[in-house]
Amino acid sequence: MSSTSHHDAAEVGDRGLICDVDLAILAAPEERYRRYEADIRREYAHVPEPLYRLGRRRVLARFLRRQHIYQTAHFRDRLEARARANLAAVMATLRSAHAR
């Protein structure tokens, strides 16, 4: 399994750093992060909308439940708050669209 395929919160050393680099997109500026989410949706275009929303909420909730999204202090100090804000915003959108 590659270091970036599971983003295990218990990774250490270089593997943790690699995961943090891979997850840096979660803390992108709002407009860029929205494009990232749209890219993911296109990647899963074959998945029906209700199932996609459910699955995406599960993935994002798993990150939000972690004590820290990023494993290294460098990334936590710089990106953690912005990443959490982006994930929370997407979760709210996924929930509100589901409620319609």
Protein backbone atom coordinates (compact mmCIF):
# COMPACT_ATOMS: atom_id res chain seq x y z
CA MET A 1 0.00 0.00 0.00
CA SER A 2 1.37 3.41 -0.86
CA SER A 3 1.87 6.06 1.78
CA THR A 4 -0.77 8.29 0.28
CA SER A 5 -3.49 5.74 -0.32
CA HIS A 6 -4.83 5.61 3.21
CA HIS A 7 -3.61 8.73 5.04
CA ASP A 8 -3.35 6.88 8.32
CA ALA A 9 -3.11 9.34 11.20
CA ALA A 10 -0.52 7.11 12.89
CA GLU A 11 2.16 7.47 10.19
CA VAL A 12 5.54 8.74 11.31
CA GLY A 13 8.69 10.12 9.75
CA ASP A 14 8.98 10.43 5.99
CA ARG A 15 5.72 8.56 5.40
CA GLY A 16 3.89 11.07 7.58
CA LEU A 17 5.46 13.93 5.67
CA ILE A 18 4.46 12.37 2.35
CA CYS A 19 0.87 12.02 3.56
CA ASP A 20 0.86 15.63 4.76
CA VAL A 21 2.11 16.86 1.39
CA ASP A 22 -0.61 14.82 -0.32
CA LEU A 23 -3.27 16.26 2.00
CA ALA A 24 -2.08 19.86 1.65
CA ILE A 25 -4.81 20.41 -0.98
CA LEU A 26 -7.36 20.23 1.83
CA ALA A 27 -6.10 23.62 3.02
CA ALA A 28 -6.10 25.31 -0.39
CA PRO A 29 -7.72 28.72 -0.76
CA GLU A 30 -11.51 28.41 -0.99
CA GLU A 31 -11.81 28.75 -4.78
CA ARG A 32 -9.04 26.21 -5.42
CA TYR A 33 -10.51 23.79 -2.92
CA ARG A 34 -13.91 24.02 -4.63
CA ARG A 35 -12.23 23.08 -7.93
CA TYR A 36 -10.57 20.14 -6.19
CA GLU A 37 -13.95 18.92 -4.92
CA ALA A 38 -15.43 19.34 -8.41
CA ASP A 39 -12.53 17.30 -9.83
CA ILE A 40 -13.24 14.52 -7.35
CA ARG A 41 -16.91 14.53 -8.32
CA ARG A 42 -15.95 14.21 -11.99
CA GLU A 43 -13.66 11.31 -11.11
CA TYR A 44 -16.65 9.57 -9.52
CA ALA A 45 -19.18 10.63 -12.15
CA HIS A 46 -20.25 6.99 -12.51
CA VAL A 47 -21.53 7.01 -8.90
CA PRO A 48 -25.14 8.17 -8.47
CA GLU A 49 -25.43 11.50 -6.66
CA PRO A 50 -27.00 10.22 -3.42
CA LEU A 51 -24.36 7.52 -3.05
CA TYR A 52 -21.57 9.93 -3.89
CA ARG A 53 -22.74 12.42 -1.26
CA LEU A 54 -22.98 9.71 1.37
CA GLY A 55 -19.53 8.34 0.56
CA ARG A 56 -17.90 11.75 0.37
CA ARG A 57 -19.41 12.76 3.71
CA ARG A 58 -18.00 9.60 5.26
CA VAL A 59 -14.52 10.30 3.91
CA LEU A 60 -14.52 13.92 5.05
CA ALA A 61 -16.01 13.07 8.45
CA ARG A 62 -13.16 10.63 9.03
CA PHE A 63 -10.67 13.47 8.57
CA LEU A 64 -12.66 15.82 10.78
CA ARG A 65 -12.83 13.26 13.62
CA ARG A 66 -9.07 13.06 13.82
CA GLN A 67 -7.35 15.01 16.54
CA HIS A 68 -5.05 16.31 13.78
CA ILE A 69 -5.48 16.06 10.02
CA TYR A 70 -1.77 16.63 9.50
CA GLN A 71 0.87 14.48 11.15
CA THR A 72 3.78 16.87 11.18
CA ALA A 73 3.93 20.05 13.27
CA HIS A 74 4.99 22.01 10.19
CA PHE A 75 1.76 21.21 8.32
CA ARG A 76 -0.48 21.31 11.41
CA ASP A 77 0.73 24.79 12.35
CA ARG A 78 0.24 26.15 8.85
CA LEU A 79 -2.68 24.25 7.36
CA GLU A 80 -4.84 22.53 9.98
CA ALA A 81 -7.33 25.36 10.60
CA ARG A 82 -7.86 26.11 6.89
CA ALA A 83 -8.26 22.41 6.06
CA ARG A 84 -10.87 21.98 8.78
CA ALA A 85 -12.76 25.04 7.52
CA ASN A 86 -12.76 23.69 3.94
CA LEU A 87 -13.91 20.24 5.03
CA ALA A 88 -16.65 21.66 7.26
CA ALA A 89 -17.92 23.85 4.41
CA VAL A 90 -18.11 20.89 2.02
CA MET A 91 -19.81 18.76 4.67
CA ALA A 92 -22.45 21.46 5.13
CA THR A 93 -23.01 21.62 1.38
CA LEU A 94 -23.28 17.84 1.10
CA ARG A 95 -25.76 17.73 3.99
CA SER A 96 -27.90 20.61 2.73
CA ALA A 97 -28.08 19.21 -0.78
CA HIS A 98 -29.05 15.85 0.70
CA ALA A 99 -31.90 17.46 2.64
CA ARG A 100 -33.50 18.94 -0.47
